[in-house]
Amino acid sequence: MSLARATRPGFASLFAGRSRSYVRSGLHREDLLNAELPEMMETLSRLPHAVKEEREIRIRRAIELDLKGEELPEAEWTKEDVDSVSYLEPFLTEVLQENAERASFRA
């Protein structure tokens, strides 16, 4: 599984066609990933509590802004340097490696 495959269809569609509009809602690129996939569920469970809480706050705020048809002031948009740093990838890579090991033992 790649990060691209994990995109959450319903949630990501809020921002479809609006190039990088998730940035205007304060979201990070990885906040759009599908949290319902088994690999993502495990990955999210391994995040430090503070990181998980920050992610949930960003998602709630983005949904609220979308429902109101609003966006954050430009000063609060997600910065490119912040968005380019992956907070999920180290954990996701670990989960995928463990899953691949388990599958190789079963084969």
PDB file of N, CA and C in Angstrom:
ATOM      1  N   MET A   1       0.843  -1.180   0.000  1.00  0.00           N
ATOM      2  CA  MET A   1       0.000   0.000   0.000  1.00  0.00           C
ATOM      3  C   MET A   1       0.883   1.236   0.000  1.00  0.00           C
ATOM      4  N   SER A   2       0.526   2.198  -0.786  1.00  0.00           N
ATOM      5  CA  SER A   2       1.255   3.456  -0.812  1.00  0.00           C
ATOM      6  C   SER A   2       0.389   4.526  -0.179  1.00  0.00           C
ATOM      7  N   LEU A   3       0.991   5.669   0.083  1.00  0.00           N
ATOM      8  CA  LEU A   3       0.213   6.775   0.622  1.00  0.00           C
ATOM      9  C   LEU A   3      -0.860   7.203  -0.373  1.00  0.00           C
ATOM     10  N   ALA A   4      -0.562   7.133  -1.664  1.00  0.00           N
ATOM     11  CA  ALA A   4      -1.536   7.530  -2.678  1.00  0.00           C
ATOM     12  C   ALA A   4      -2.758   6.615  -2.663  1.00  0.00           C
ATOM     13  N   ARG A   5      -2.564   5.326  -2.466  1.00  0.00           N
ATOM     14  CA  ARG A   5      -3.676   4.368  -2.449  1.00  0.00           C
ATOM     15  C   ARG A   5      -4.571   4.586  -1.236  1.00  0.00           C
ATOM     16  N   ALA A   6      -4.034   5.162  -0.208  1.00  0.00           N
ATOM     17  CA  ALA A   6      -4.774   5.304   1.031  1.00  0.00           C
ATOM     18  C   ALA A   6      -5.655   6.549   1.077  1.00  0.00           C
ATOM     19  N   THR A   7      -5.753   7.288  -0.015  1.00  0.00           N
ATOM     20  CA  THR A   7      -6.556   8.502  -0.007  1.00  0.00           C
ATOM     21  C   THR A   7      -8.006   8.168   0.291  1.00  0.00           C
ATOM     22  N   ARG A   8      -8.574   8.883   1.197  1.00  0.00           N
ATOM     23  CA  ARG A   8      -9.940   8.671   1.647  1.00  0.00           C
ATOM     24  C   ARG A   8     -10.915   9.225   0.604  1.00  0.00           C
ATOM     25  N   PRO A   9     -11.670   8.380  -0.087  1.00  0.00           N
ATOM     26  CA  PRO A   9     -12.519   8.855  -1.182  1.00  0.00           C
ATOM     27  C   PRO A   9     -13.501   9.948  -0.761  1.00  0.00           C
ATOM     28  N   GLY A  10     -14.261   9.744   0.265  1.00  0.00           N
ATOM     29  CA  GLY A  10     -15.263  10.731   0.664  1.00  0.00           C
ATOM     30  C   GLY A  10     -14.667  12.021   1.170  1.00  0.00           C
ATOM     31  N   PHE A  11     -13.719  11.905   2.069  1.00  0.00           N
ATOM     32  CA  PHE A  11     -13.127  13.089   2.681  1.00  0.00           C
ATOM     33  C   PHE A  11     -12.296  13.859   1.676  1.00  0.00           C
ATOM     34  N   ALA A  12     -11.491  13.150   0.893  1.00  0.00           N
ATOM     35  CA  ALA A  12     -10.644  13.815  -0.098  1.00  0.00           C
ATOM     36  C   ALA A  12     -11.493  14.505  -1.154  1.00  0.00           C
ATOM     37  N   SER A  13     -12.693  13.990  -1.404  1.00  0.00           N
ATOM     38  CA  SER A  13     -13.544  14.593  -2.437  1.00  0.00           C
ATOM     39  C   SER A  13     -14.003  15.993  -2.037  1.00  0.00           C
ATOM     40  N   LEU A  14     -13.988  16.303  -0.746  1.00  0.00           N
ATOM     41  CA  LEU A  14     -14.314  17.661  -0.322  1.00  0.00           C
ATOM     42  C   LEU A  14     -13.363  18.659  -0.972  1.00  0.00           C
ATOM     43  N   PHE A  15     -12.150  18.202  -1.235  1.00  0.00           N
ATOM     44  CA  PHE A  15     -11.112  19.084  -1.739  1.00  0.00           C
ATOM     45  C   PHE A  15     -10.763  18.795  -3.196  1.00  0.00           C
ATOM     46  N   ALA A  16     -11.490  17.879  -3.836  1.00  0.00           N
ATOM     47  CA  ALA A  16     -11.212  17.502  -5.223  1.00  0.00           C
ATOM     48  C   ALA A  16     -11.460  18.692  -6.144  1.00  0.00           C
ATOM     49  N   GLY A  17     -10.597  18.824  -7.122  1.00  0.00           N
ATOM     50  CA  GLY A  17     -10.759  19.888  -8.095  1.00  0.00           C
ATOM     51  C   GLY A  17     -10.330  21.253  -7.593  1.00  0.00           C
ATOM     52  N   ARG A  18      -9.951  21.319  -6.357  1.00  0.00           N
ATOM     53  CA  ARG A  18      -9.488  22.582  -5.796  1.00  0.00           C
ATOM     54  C   ARG A  18      -8.031  22.372  -5.400  1.00  0.00           C
ATOM     55  N   SER A  19      -7.157  22.566  -6.338  1.00  0.00           N
ATOM     56  CA  SER A  19      -5.742  22.270  -6.174  1.00  0.00           C
ATOM     57  C   SER A  19      -5.213  22.758  -4.834  1.00  0.00           C
ATOM     58  N   ARG A  20      -4.776  21.807  -4.050  1.00  0.00           N
ATOM     59  CA  ARG A  20      -4.186  22.068  -2.742  1.00  0.00           C
ATOM     60  C   ARG A  20      -5.086  22.914  -1.833  1.00  0.00           C
ATOM     61  N   SER A  21      -6.397  22.849  -2.040  1.00  0.00           N
ATOM     62  CA  SER A  21      -7.298  23.637  -1.197  1.00  0.00           C
ATOM     63  C   SER A  21      -7.319  23.142   0.239  1.00  0.00           C
ATOM     64  N   TYR A  22      -6.874  21.906   0.458  1.00  0.00           N
ATOM     65  CA  TYR A  22      -6.800  21.405   1.831  1.00  0.00           C
ATOM     66  C   TYR A  22      -5.869  22.268   2.671  1.00  0.00           C
ATOM     67  N   VAL A  23      -4.906  22.901   2.026  1.00  0.00           N
ATOM     68  CA  VAL A  23      -3.961  23.779   2.718  1.00  0.00           C
ATOM     69  C   VAL A  23      -4.710  24.973   3.310  1.00  0.00           C
ATOM     70  N   ARG A  24      -5.732  25.447   2.600  1.00  0.00           N
ATOM     71  CA  ARG A  24      -6.516  26.592   3.064  1.00  0.00           C
ATOM     72  C   ARG A  24      -7.382  26.241   4.270  1.00  0.00           C
ATOM     73  N   SER A  25      -7.542  24.949   4.517  1.00  0.00           N
ATOM     74  CA  SER A  25      -8.306  24.493   5.685  1.00  0.00           C
ATOM     75  C   SER A  25      -7.389  24.108   6.833  1.00  0.00           C
ATOM     76  N   GLY A  26      -6.076  24.233   6.628  1.00  0.00           N
ATOM     77  CA  GLY A  26      -5.119  23.904   7.679  1.00  0.00           C
ATOM     78  C   GLY A  26      -4.751  22.435   7.737  1.00  0.00           C
ATOM     79  N   LEU A  27      -5.168  21.665   6.725  1.00  0.00           N
ATOM     80  CA  LEU A  27      -4.857  20.232   6.710  1.00  0.00           C
ATOM     81  C   LEU A  27      -3.468  19.963   6.160  1.00  0.00           C
ATOM     82  N   HIS A  28      -2.943  18.827   6.524  1.00  0.00           N
ATOM     83  CA  HIS A  28      -1.711  18.313   5.922  1.00  0.00           C
ATOM     84  C   HIS A  28      -2.124  17.301   4.859  1.00  0.00           C
ATOM     85  N   ARG A  29      -1.258  17.082   3.904  1.00  0.00           N
ATOM     86  CA  ARG A  29      -1.519  16.120   2.814  1.00  0.00           C
ATOM     87  C   ARG A  29      -1.927  14.759   3.389  1.00  0.00           C
ATOM     88  N   GLU A  30      -1.253  14.318   4.422  1.00  0.00           N
ATOM     89  CA  GLU A  30      -1.520  12.985   4.983  1.00  0.00           C
ATOM     90  C   GLU A  30      -2.812  12.918   5.796  1.00  0.00           C
ATOM     91  N   ASP A  31      -3.395  14.065   6.113  1.00  0.00           N
ATOM     92  CA  ASP A  31      -4.682  14.062   6.806  1.00  0.00           C
ATOM     93  C   ASP A  31      -5.792  13.541   5.899  1.00  0.00           C
ATOM     94  N   LEU A  32      -5.554  13.529   4.585  1.00  0.00           N
ATOM     95  CA  LEU A  32      -6.561  13.081   3.618  1.00  0.00           C
ATOM     96  C   LEU A  32      -6.548  11.576   3.408  1.00  0.00           C
ATOM     97  N   LEU A  33      -5.624  10.884   4.042  1.00  0.00           N
ATOM     98  CA  LEU A  33      -5.526   9.436   3.850  1.00  0.00           C
ATOM     99  C   LEU A  33      -6.672   8.714   4.543  1.00  0.00           C
ATOM    100  N   ASN A  34      -7.080   7.598   3.978  1.00  0.00           N
ATOM    101  CA  ASN A  34      -8.225   6.835   4.460  1.00  0.00           C
ATOM    102  C   ASN A  34      -7.893   6.118   5.767  1.00  0.00           C
ATOM    103  N   ALA A  35      -8.455   6.602   6.835  1.00  0.00           N
ATOM    104  CA  ALA A  35      -8.194   6.043   8.165  1.00  0.00           C
ATOM    105  C   ALA A  35      -8.907   4.717   8.382  1.00  0.00           C
ATOM    106  N   GLU A  36      -9.731   4.297   7.432  1.00  0.00           N
ATOM    107  CA  GLU A  36     -10.490   3.058   7.590  1.00  0.00           C
ATOM    108  C   GLU A  36      -9.771   1.839   7.026  1.00  0.00           C
ATOM    109  N   LEU A  37      -8.683   2.041   6.310  1.00  0.00           N
ATOM    110  CA  LEU A  37      -7.893   0.907   5.822  1.00  0.00           C
ATOM    111  C   LEU A  37      -7.169   0.256   6.998  1.00  0.00           C
ATOM    112  N   PRO A  38      -7.082  -1.064   7.018  1.00  0.00           N
ATOM    113  CA  PRO A  38      -6.431  -1.744   8.150  1.00  0.00           C
ATOM    114  C   PRO A  38      -5.014  -1.238   8.425  1.00  0.00           C
ATOM    115  N   GLU A  39      -4.243  -0.998   7.365  1.00  0.00           N
ATOM    116  CA  GLU A  39      -2.874  -0.524   7.548  1.00  0.00           C
ATOM    117  C   GLU A  39      -2.851   0.859   8.190  1.00  0.00           C
ATOM    118  N   MET A  40      -3.798   1.707   7.777  1.00  0.00           N
ATOM    119  CA  MET A  40      -3.857   3.051   8.346  1.00  0.00           C
ATOM    120  C   MET A  40      -4.367   3.021   9.787  1.00  0.00           C
ATOM    121  N   MET A  41      -5.292   2.131  10.075  1.00  0.00           N
ATOM    122  CA  MET A  41      -5.786   2.018  11.455  1.00  0.00           C
ATOM    123  C   MET A  41      -4.631   1.678  12.395  1.00  0.00           C
ATOM    124  N   GLU A  42      -3.808   0.729  11.980  1.00  0.00           N
ATOM    125  CA  GLU A  42      -2.657   0.338  12.793  1.00  0.00           C
ATOM    126  C   GLU A  42      -1.649   1.478  12.880  1.00  0.00           C
ATOM    127  N   THR A  43      -1.420   2.139  11.760  1.00  0.00           N
ATOM    128  CA  THR A  43      -0.477   3.263  11.741  1.00  0.00           C
ATOM    129  C   THR A  43      -0.932   4.360  12.684  1.00  0.00           C
ATOM    130  N   LEU A  44      -2.201   4.720  12.609  1.00  0.00           N
ATOM    131  CA  LEU A  44      -2.725   5.779  13.472  1.00  0.00           C
ATOM    132  C   LEU A  44      -2.674   5.385  14.945  1.00  0.00           C
ATOM    133  N   SER A  45      -2.842   4.118  15.227  1.00  0.00           N
ATOM    134  CA  SER A  45      -2.779   3.676  16.623  1.00  0.00           C
ATOM    135  C   SER A  45      -1.369   3.810  17.201  1.00  0.00           C
ATOM    136  N   ARG A  46      -0.362   3.860  16.325  1.00  0.00           N
ATOM    137  CA  ARG A  46       1.028   3.956  16.776  1.00  0.00           C
ATOM    138  C   ARG A  46       1.515   5.398  16.903  1.00  0.00           C
ATOM    139  N   LEU A  47       0.732   6.340  16.437  1.00  0.00           N
ATOM    140  CA  LEU A  47       1.150   7.740  16.534  1.00  0.00           C
ATOM    141  C   LEU A  47       1.205   8.172  17.993  1.00  0.00           C
ATOM    142  N   PRO A  48       2.135   9.052  18.316  1.00  0.00           N
ATOM    143  CA  PRO A  48       2.129   9.626  19.666  1.00  0.00           C
ATOM    144  C   PRO A  48       0.804  10.361  19.898  1.00  0.00           C
ATOM    145  N   HIS A  49       0.350  10.369  21.122  1.00  0.00           N
ATOM    146  CA  HIS A  49      -0.949  10.946  21.462  1.00  0.00           C
ATOM    147  C   HIS A  49      -1.082  12.390  20.972  1.00  0.00           C
ATOM    148  N   ALA A  50      -0.068  13.194  21.168  1.00  0.00           N
ATOM    149  CA  ALA A  50      -0.132  14.602  20.776  1.00  0.00           C
ATOM    150  C   ALA A  50      -0.286  14.758  19.267  1.00  0.00           C
ATOM    151  N   VAL A  51       0.407  13.949  18.498  1.00  0.00           N
ATOM    152  CA  VAL A  51       0.331  14.015  17.031  1.00  0.00           C
ATOM    153  C   VAL A  51      -1.059  13.588  16.574  1.00  0.00           C
ATOM    154  N   LYS A  52      -1.577  12.534  17.169  1.00  0.00           N
ATOM    155  CA  LYS A  52      -2.914  12.047  16.823  1.00  0.00           C
ATOM    156  C   LYS A  52      -3.973  13.111  17.147  1.00  0.00           C
ATOM    157  N   GLU A  53      -3.822  13.753  18.277  1.00  0.00           N
ATOM    158  CA  GLU A  53      -4.777  14.779  18.684  1.00  0.00           C
ATOM    159  C   GLU A  53      -4.728  15.991  17.744  1.00  0.00           C
ATOM    160  N   GLU A  54      -3.522  16.406  17.361  1.00  0.00           N
ATOM    161  CA  GLU A  54      -3.378  17.526  16.418  1.00  0.00           C
ATOM    162  C   GLU A  54      -4.045  17.189  15.086  1.00  0.00           C
ATOM    163  N   ARG A  55      -3.882  15.959  14.637  1.00  0.00           N
ATOM    164  CA  ARG A  55      -4.483  15.507  13.374  1.00  0.00           C
ATOM    165  C   ARG A  55      -6.004  15.571  13.460  1.00  0.00           C
ATOM    166  N   GLU A  56      -6.555  15.080  14.540  1.00  0.00           N
ATOM    167  CA  GLU A  56      -8.009  15.080  14.711  1.00  0.00           C
ATOM    168  C   GLU A  56      -8.558  16.500  14.769  1.00  0.00           C
ATOM    169  N   ILE A  57      -7.842  17.397  15.409  1.00  0.00           N
ATOM    170  CA  ILE A  57      -8.277  18.790  15.485  1.00  0.00           C
ATOM    171  C   ILE A  57      -8.262  19.424  14.098  1.00  0.00           C
ATOM    172  N   ARG A  58      -7.212  19.159  13.308  1.00  0.00           N
ATOM    173  CA  ARG A  58      -7.142  19.703  11.945  1.00  0.00           C
ATOM    174  C   ARG A  58      -8.304  19.197  11.098  1.00  0.00           C
ATOM    175  N   ILE A  59      -8.604  17.909  11.210  1.00  0.00           N
ATOM    176  CA  ILE A  59      -9.685  17.316  10.407  1.00  0.00           C
ATOM    177  C   ILE A  59     -11.037  17.892  10.814  1.00  0.00           C
ATOM    178  N   ARG A  60     -11.289  17.987  12.108  1.00  0.00           N
ATOM    179  CA  ARG A  60     -12.568  18.554  12.576  1.00  0.00           C
ATOM    180  C   ARG A  60     -12.740  19.999  12.105  1.00  0.00           C
ATOM    181  N   ARG A  61     -11.661  20.774  12.227  1.00  0.00           N
ATOM    182  CA  ARG A  61     -11.711  22.179  11.815  1.00  0.00           C
ATOM    183  C   ARG A  61     -11.970  22.284  10.310  1.00  0.00           C
ATOM    184  N   ALA A  62     -11.327  21.438   9.508  1.00  0.00           N
ATOM    185  CA  ALA A  62     -11.504  21.471   8.050  1.00  0.00           C
ATOM    186  C   ALA A  62     -12.946  21.127   7.671  1.00  0.00           C
ATOM    187  N   ILE A  63     -13.531  20.151   8.334  1.00  0.00           N
ATOM    188  CA  ILE A  63     -14.918  19.776   8.047  1.00  0.00           C
ATOM    189  C   ILE A  63     -15.859  20.920   8.417  1.00  0.00           C
ATOM    190  N   GLU A  64     -15.618  21.518   9.569  1.00  0.00           N
ATOM    191  CA  GLU A  64     -16.447  22.645  10.004  1.00  0.00           C
ATOM    192  C   GLU A  64     -16.339  23.816   9.024  1.00  0.00           C
ATOM    193  N   LEU A  65     -15.123  24.124   8.596  1.00  0.00           N
ATOM    194  CA  LEU A  65     -14.926  25.210   7.628  1.00  0.00           C
ATOM    195  C   LEU A  65     -15.638  24.898   6.312  1.00  0.00           C
ATOM    196  N   ASP A  66     -15.540  23.658   5.854  1.00  0.00           N
ATOM    197  CA  ASP A  66     -16.183  23.270   4.601  1.00  0.00           C
ATOM    198  C   ASP A  66     -17.699  23.392   4.711  1.00  0.00           C
ATOM    199  N   LEU A  67     -18.261  22.981   5.835  1.00  0.00           N
ATOM    200  CA  LEU A  67     -19.712  23.080   6.018  1.00  0.00           C
ATOM    201  C   LEU A  67     -20.178  24.533   5.991  1.00  0.00           C
ATOM    202  N   LYS A  68     -19.336  25.432   6.499  1.00  0.00           N
ATOM    203  CA  LYS A  68     -19.678  26.857   6.516  1.00  0.00           C
ATOM    204  C   LYS A  68     -19.317  27.549   5.198  1.00  0.00           C
ATOM    205  N   GLY A  69     -18.575  26.840   4.335  1.00  0.00           N
ATOM    206  CA  GLY A  69     -18.133  27.448   3.083  1.00  0.00           C
ATOM    207  C   GLY A  69     -17.049  28.488   3.305  1.00  0.00           C
ATOM    208  N   GLU A  70     -16.264  28.300   4.341  1.00  0.00           N
ATOM    209  CA  GLU A  70     -15.218  29.256   4.688  1.00  0.00           C
ATOM    210  C   GLU A  70     -13.842  28.622   4.556  1.00  0.00           C
ATOM    211  N   GLU A  71     -12.816  29.442   4.700  1.00  0.00           N
ATOM    212  CA  GLU A  71     -11.444  28.942   4.773  1.00  0.00           C
ATOM    213  C   GLU A  71     -10.711  29.771   5.818  1.00  0.00           C
ATOM    214  N   LEU A  72      -9.575  29.241   6.246  1.00  0.00           N
ATOM    215  CA  LEU A  72      -8.770  29.933   7.249  1.00  0.00           C
ATOM    216  C   LEU A  72      -8.162  31.208   6.668  1.00  0.00           C
ATOM    217  N   PRO A  73      -7.826  32.162   7.544  1.00  0.00           N
ATOM    218  CA  PRO A  73      -7.049  33.310   7.051  1.00  0.00           C
ATOM    219  C   PRO A  73      -5.721  32.800   6.486  1.00  0.00           C
ATOM    220  N   GLU A  74      -5.197  33.471   5.479  1.00  0.00           N
ATOM    221  CA  GLU A  74      -3.997  32.994   4.794  1.00  0.00           C
ATOM    222  C   GLU A  74      -2.830  32.756   5.750  1.00  0.00           C
ATOM    223  N   ALA A  75      -2.744  33.495   6.808  1.00  0.00           N
ATOM    224  CA  ALA A  75      -1.653  33.323   7.777  1.00  0.00           C
ATOM    225  C   ALA A  75      -1.715  31.963   8.470  1.00  0.00           C
ATOM    226  N   GLU A  76      -2.895  31.329   8.476  1.00  0.00           N
ATOM    227  CA  GLU A  76      -3.069  30.042   9.142  1.00  0.00           C
ATOM    228  C   GLU A  76      -3.064  28.853   8.183  1.00  0.00           C
ATOM    229  N   TRP A  77      -2.899  29.098   6.886  1.00  0.00           N
ATOM    230  CA  TRP A  77      -2.824  28.008   5.919  1.00  0.00           C
ATOM    231  C   TRP A  77      -1.615  27.143   6.233  1.00  0.00           C
ATOM    232  N   THR A  78      -1.698  25.875   5.867  1.00  0.00           N
ATOM    233  CA  THR A  78      -0.571  24.965   6.057  1.00  0.00           C
ATOM    234  C   THR A  78       0.569  25.402   5.146  1.00  0.00           C
ATOM    235  N   LYS A  79       1.729  25.585   5.737  1.00  0.00           N
ATOM    236  CA  LYS A  79       2.909  26.006   4.972  1.00  0.00           C
ATOM    237  C   LYS A  79       3.500  24.817   4.219  1.00  0.00           C
ATOM    238  N   GLU A  80       4.084  25.095   3.065  1.00  0.00           N
ATOM    239  CA  GLU A  80       4.669  24.047   2.217  1.00  0.00           C
ATOM    240  C   GLU A  80       5.723  23.244   2.967  1.00  0.00           C
ATOM    241  N   ASP A  81       6.565  23.914   3.754  1.00  0.00           N
ATOM    242  CA  ASP A  81       7.625  23.188   4.463  1.00  0.00           C
ATOM    243  C   ASP A  81       7.056  22.278   5.548  1.00  0.00           C
ATOM    244  N   VAL A  82       5.944  22.639   6.134  1.00  0.00           N
ATOM    245  CA  VAL A  82       5.294  21.794   7.139  1.00  0.00           C
ATOM    246  C   VAL A  82       4.612  20.611   6.457  1.00  0.00           C
ATOM    247  N   ASP A  83       3.946  20.877   5.328  1.00  0.00           N
ATOM    248  CA  ASP A  83       3.204  19.841   4.616  1.00  0.00           C
ATOM    249  C   ASP A  83       4.127  18.814   3.972  1.00  0.00           C
ATOM    250  N   SER A  84       5.341  19.219   3.657  1.00  0.00           N
ATOM    251  CA  SER A  84       6.269  18.295   2.985  1.00  0.00           C
ATOM    252  C   SER A  84       6.909  17.300   3.951  1.00  0.00           C
ATOM    253  N   VAL A  85       6.768  17.533   5.246  1.00  0.00           N
ATOM    254  CA  VAL A  85       7.323  16.612   6.246  1.00  0.00           C
ATOM    255  C   VAL A  85       6.259  15.576   6.598  1.00  0.00           C
ATOM    256  N   SER A  86       6.595  14.314   6.439  1.00  0.00           N
ATOM    257  CA  SER A  86       5.645  13.235   6.681  1.00  0.00           C
ATOM    258  C   SER A  86       5.626  12.866   8.167  1.00  0.00           C
ATOM    259  N   TYR A  87       4.451  12.935   8.770  1.00  0.00           N
ATOM    260  CA  TYR A  87       4.334  12.476  10.150  1.00  0.00           C
ATOM    261  C   TYR A  87       3.863  11.027  10.207  1.00  0.00           C
ATOM    262  N   LEU A  88       3.319  10.515   9.112  1.00  0.00           N
ATOM    263  CA  LEU A  88       2.808   9.144   9.086  1.00  0.00           C
ATOM    264  C   LEU A  88       3.769   8.129   8.479  1.00  0.00           C
ATOM    265  N   GLU A  89       4.564   8.563   7.522  1.00  0.00           N
ATOM    266  CA  GLU A  89       5.342   7.611   6.725  1.00  0.00           C
ATOM    267  C   GLU A  89       6.225   6.675   7.544  1.00  0.00           C
ATOM    268  N   PRO A  90       6.955   7.136   8.566  1.00  0.00           N
ATOM    269  CA  PRO A  90       7.776   6.178   9.326  1.00  0.00           C
ATOM    270  C   PRO A  90       6.942   5.066   9.968  1.00  0.00           C
ATOM    271  N   PHE A  91       5.780   5.433  10.479  1.00  0.00           N
ATOM    272  CA  PHE A  91       4.908   4.451  11.127  1.00  0.00           C
ATOM    273  C   PHE A  91       4.260   3.530  10.095  1.00  0.00           C
ATOM    274  N   LEU A  92       3.832   4.105   8.971  1.00  0.00           N
ATOM    275  CA  LEU A  92       3.209   3.308   7.917  1.00  0.00           C
ATOM    276  C   LEU A  92       4.210   2.324   7.315  1.00  0.00           C
ATOM    277  N   THR A  93       5.428   2.776   7.099  1.00  0.00           N
ATOM    278  CA  THR A  93       6.468   1.903   6.555  1.00  0.00           C
ATOM    279  C   THR A  93       6.695   0.717   7.485  1.00  0.00           C
ATOM    280  N   GLU A  94       6.736   0.980   8.774  1.00  0.00           N
ATOM    281  CA  GLU A  94       6.930  -0.082   9.765  1.00  0.00           C
ATOM    282  C   GLU A  94       5.781  -1.090   9.711  1.00  0.00           C
ATOM    283  N   VAL A  95       4.561  -0.599   9.642  1.00  0.00           N
ATOM    284  CA  VAL A  95       3.384  -1.473   9.583  1.00  0.00           C
ATOM    285  C   VAL A  95       3.414  -2.326   8.312  1.00  0.00           C
ATOM    286  N   LEU A  96       3.736  -1.699   7.186  1.00  0.00           N
ATOM    287  CA  LEU A  96       3.779  -2.437   5.922  1.00  0.00           C
ATOM    288  C   LEU A  96       4.870  -3.501   5.921  1.00  0.00           C
ATOM    289  N   GLN A  97       6.012  -3.185   6.518  1.00  0.00           N
ATOM    290  CA  GLN A  97       7.087  -4.181   6.614  1.00  0.00           C
ATOM    291  C   GLN A  97       6.658  -5.359   7.484  1.00  0.00           C
ATOM    292  N   GLU A  98       6.005  -5.068   8.594  1.00  0.00           N
ATOM    293  CA  GLU A  98       5.527  -6.145   9.470  1.00  0.00           C
ATOM    294  C   GLU A  98       4.495  -7.014   8.752  1.00  0.00           C
ATOM    295  N   ASN A  99       3.592  -6.376   7.995  1.00  0.00           N
ATOM    296  CA  ASN A  99       2.589  -7.137   7.239  1.00  0.00           C
ATOM    297  C   ASN A  99       3.244  -8.010   6.182  1.00  0.00           C
ATOM    298  N   ALA A 100       4.263  -7.489   5.514  1.00  0.00           N
ATOM    299  CA  ALA A 100       4.980  -8.265   4.496  1.00  0.00           C
ATOM    300  C   ALA A 100       5.709  -9.463   5.139  1.00  0.00           C
ATOM    301  N   GLU A 101       6.285  -9.257   6.311  1.00  0.00           N
ATOM    302  CA  GLU A 101       6.949 -10.358   7.033  1.00  0.00           C
ATOM    303  C   GLU A 101       5.937 -11.438   7.392  1.00  0.00           C
ATOM    304  N   ARG A 102       4.781 -11.019   7.916  1.00  0.00           N
ATOM    305  CA  ARG A 102       3.735 -11.984   8.280  1.00  0.00           C
ATOM    306  C   ARG A 102       3.286 -12.779   7.056  1.00  0.00           C
ATOM    307  N   ALA A 103       3.121 -12.076   5.946  1.00  0.00           N
ATOM    308  CA  ALA A 103       2.685 -12.756   4.720  1.00  0.00           C
ATOM    309  C   ALA A 103       3.726 -13.730   4.229  1.00  0.00           C
ATOM    310  N   SER A 104       5.003 -13.410   4.379  1.00  0.00           N
ATOM    311  CA  SER A 104       6.063 -14.321   3.921  1.00  0.00           C
ATOM    312  C   SER A 104       6.142 -15.568   4.797  1.00  0.00           C
ATOM    313  N   PHE A 105       5.808 -15.428   6.070  1.00  0.00           N
ATOM    314  CA  PHE A 105       5.800 -16.601   6.959  1.00  0.00           C
ATOM    315  C   PHE A 105       4.642 -17.536   6.616  1.00  0.00           C
ATOM    316  N   ARG A 106       3.528 -16.960   6.172  1.00  0.00           N
ATOM    317  CA  ARG A 106       2.355 -17.764   5.823  1.00  0.00           C
ATOM    318  C   ARG A 106       2.511 -18.458   4.483  1.00  0.00           C
ATOM    319  N   ALA A 107       3.354 -17.892   3.630  1.00  0.00           N
ATOM    320  CA  ALA A 107       3.516 -18.456   2.270  1.00  0.00           C
ATOM    321  C   ALA A 107       4.354 -19.721   2.273  1.00  0.00           C
TER     322      ALA A 107
END
